[in-house]
Amino acid sequence: MSDAKDYITKREIPQLFECLMTGLMYHRPGDHVAYLQDCLEKIKAKGVSSVRWDLFLEAKRAKTPLPPVTPPRGSRPTSSRG
């Protein structure tokens, strides 16, 4: 089990899936498989280090940027309750 955890952690697999899912939810393409293939090709060309949760969001279309699904490492989620 530890080997599997090390594998996905070192390769930042959760961040990759978060990036792809965010793009899917934002764009809602008709052909989701082709969209994912296109995204993976872009990541492959740019390098895995370019993967961020908002990689496939278009800034000009988004009025307010979406918050990340998971908080950055080492930070705590903030509460909107005051």
Protein backbone atom coordinates (compact mmCIF):
# COMPACT_ATOMS: atom_id res chain seq x y z
CA MET A 1 0.00 0.00 0.00
CA SER A 2 2.84 2.38 0.84
CA ASP A 3 4.38 1.81 -2.59
CA ALA A 4 1.15 2.87 -4.29
CA LYS A 5 0.89 6.01 -2.13
CA ASP A 6 4.50 6.91 -2.86
CA TYR A 7 3.90 6.38 -6.57
CA ILE A 8 0.89 8.69 -6.84
CA THR A 9 2.39 11.29 -4.51
CA LYS A 10 5.75 11.53 -6.31
CA ARG A 11 4.04 11.81 -9.70
CA GLU A 12 1.43 14.30 -8.44
CA ILE A 13 -1.42 12.16 -9.78
CA PRO A 14 -4.11 13.81 -7.57
CA GLN A 15 -3.17 17.24 -8.96
CA LEU A 16 -3.39 15.86 -12.50
CA PHE A 17 -6.89 14.49 -11.90
CA GLU A 18 -7.98 17.71 -10.19
CA CYS A 19 -6.77 19.70 -13.20
CA LEU A 20 -8.61 17.44 -15.66
CA MET A 21 -11.84 17.35 -13.63
CA THR A 22 -11.87 21.12 -13.20
CA GLY A 23 -11.50 21.55 -16.96
CA LEU A 24 -14.32 19.06 -17.58
CA MET A 25 -16.66 20.76 -15.12
CA TYR A 26 -15.88 24.19 -16.53
CA HIS A 27 -16.11 23.42 -20.27
CA ARG A 28 -18.54 20.46 -20.26
CA PRO A 29 -17.45 19.28 -23.71
CA GLY A 30 -19.73 17.15 -25.85
CA ASP A 31 -16.93 14.65 -26.44
CA HIS A 32 -15.33 14.29 -23.03
CA VAL A 33 -12.87 11.61 -24.14
CA ALA A 34 -11.47 13.76 -26.95
CA TYR A 35 -11.29 16.71 -24.54
CA LEU A 36 -9.31 14.67 -22.00
CA GLN A 37 -6.99 13.40 -24.73
CA ASP A 38 -6.39 16.98 -25.86
CA CYS A 39 -5.69 18.09 -22.28
CA LEU A 40 -3.25 15.22 -21.73
CA GLU A 41 -1.44 16.09 -24.97
CA LYS A 42 -1.09 19.71 -23.82
CA ILE A 43 0.25 18.56 -20.45
CA LYS A 44 2.66 16.20 -22.18
CA ALA A 45 3.94 19.05 -24.38
CA LYS A 46 4.22 21.60 -21.54
CA GLY A 47 5.51 19.16 -18.96
CA VAL A 48 3.94 17.80 -15.82
CA SER A 49 5.29 20.73 -13.80
CA SER A 50 2.73 22.96 -15.58
CA VAL A 51 -0.18 21.08 -13.97
CA ARG A 52 -2.31 23.30 -11.77
CA TRP A 53 -5.96 22.94 -10.87
CA ASP A 54 -6.89 25.90 -13.14
CA LEU A 55 -4.69 25.05 -16.12
CA PHE A 56 -7.62 24.59 -18.51
CA LEU A 57 -9.75 27.52 -17.36
CA GLU A 58 -9.88 30.52 -19.62
CA ALA A 59 -9.36 33.70 -17.61
CA LYS A 60 -11.32 35.84 -20.07
CA ARG A 61 -14.46 33.71 -19.61
CA ALA A 62 -14.28 33.42 -15.85
CA LYS A 63 -15.58 36.47 -13.97
CA THR A 64 -14.31 35.17 -10.65
CA PRO A 65 -11.65 32.47 -10.47
CA LEU A 66 -12.78 29.22 -8.89
CA PRO A 67 -11.07 28.21 -5.65
CA PRO A 68 -8.96 25.04 -5.72
CA VAL A 69 -10.71 21.83 -4.69
CA THR A 70 -7.93 21.07 -2.23
CA PRO A 71 -5.93 23.70 -0.32
CA PRO A 72 -2.23 24.08 -1.14
CA ARG A 73 0.15 21.94 0.90
CA GLY A 74 0.79 23.29 4.36
CA SER A 75 -2.16 25.67 4.45
CA ARG A 76 -5.46 25.35 6.21
CA PRO A 77 -8.80 25.97 4.55
CA THR A 78 -10.37 29.25 5.55
CA SER A 79 -13.92 29.52 6.75
CA SER A 80 -16.34 32.09 5.34
CA ARG A 81 -18.11 32.24 8.69
CA GLY A 82 -17.35 35.39 10.56
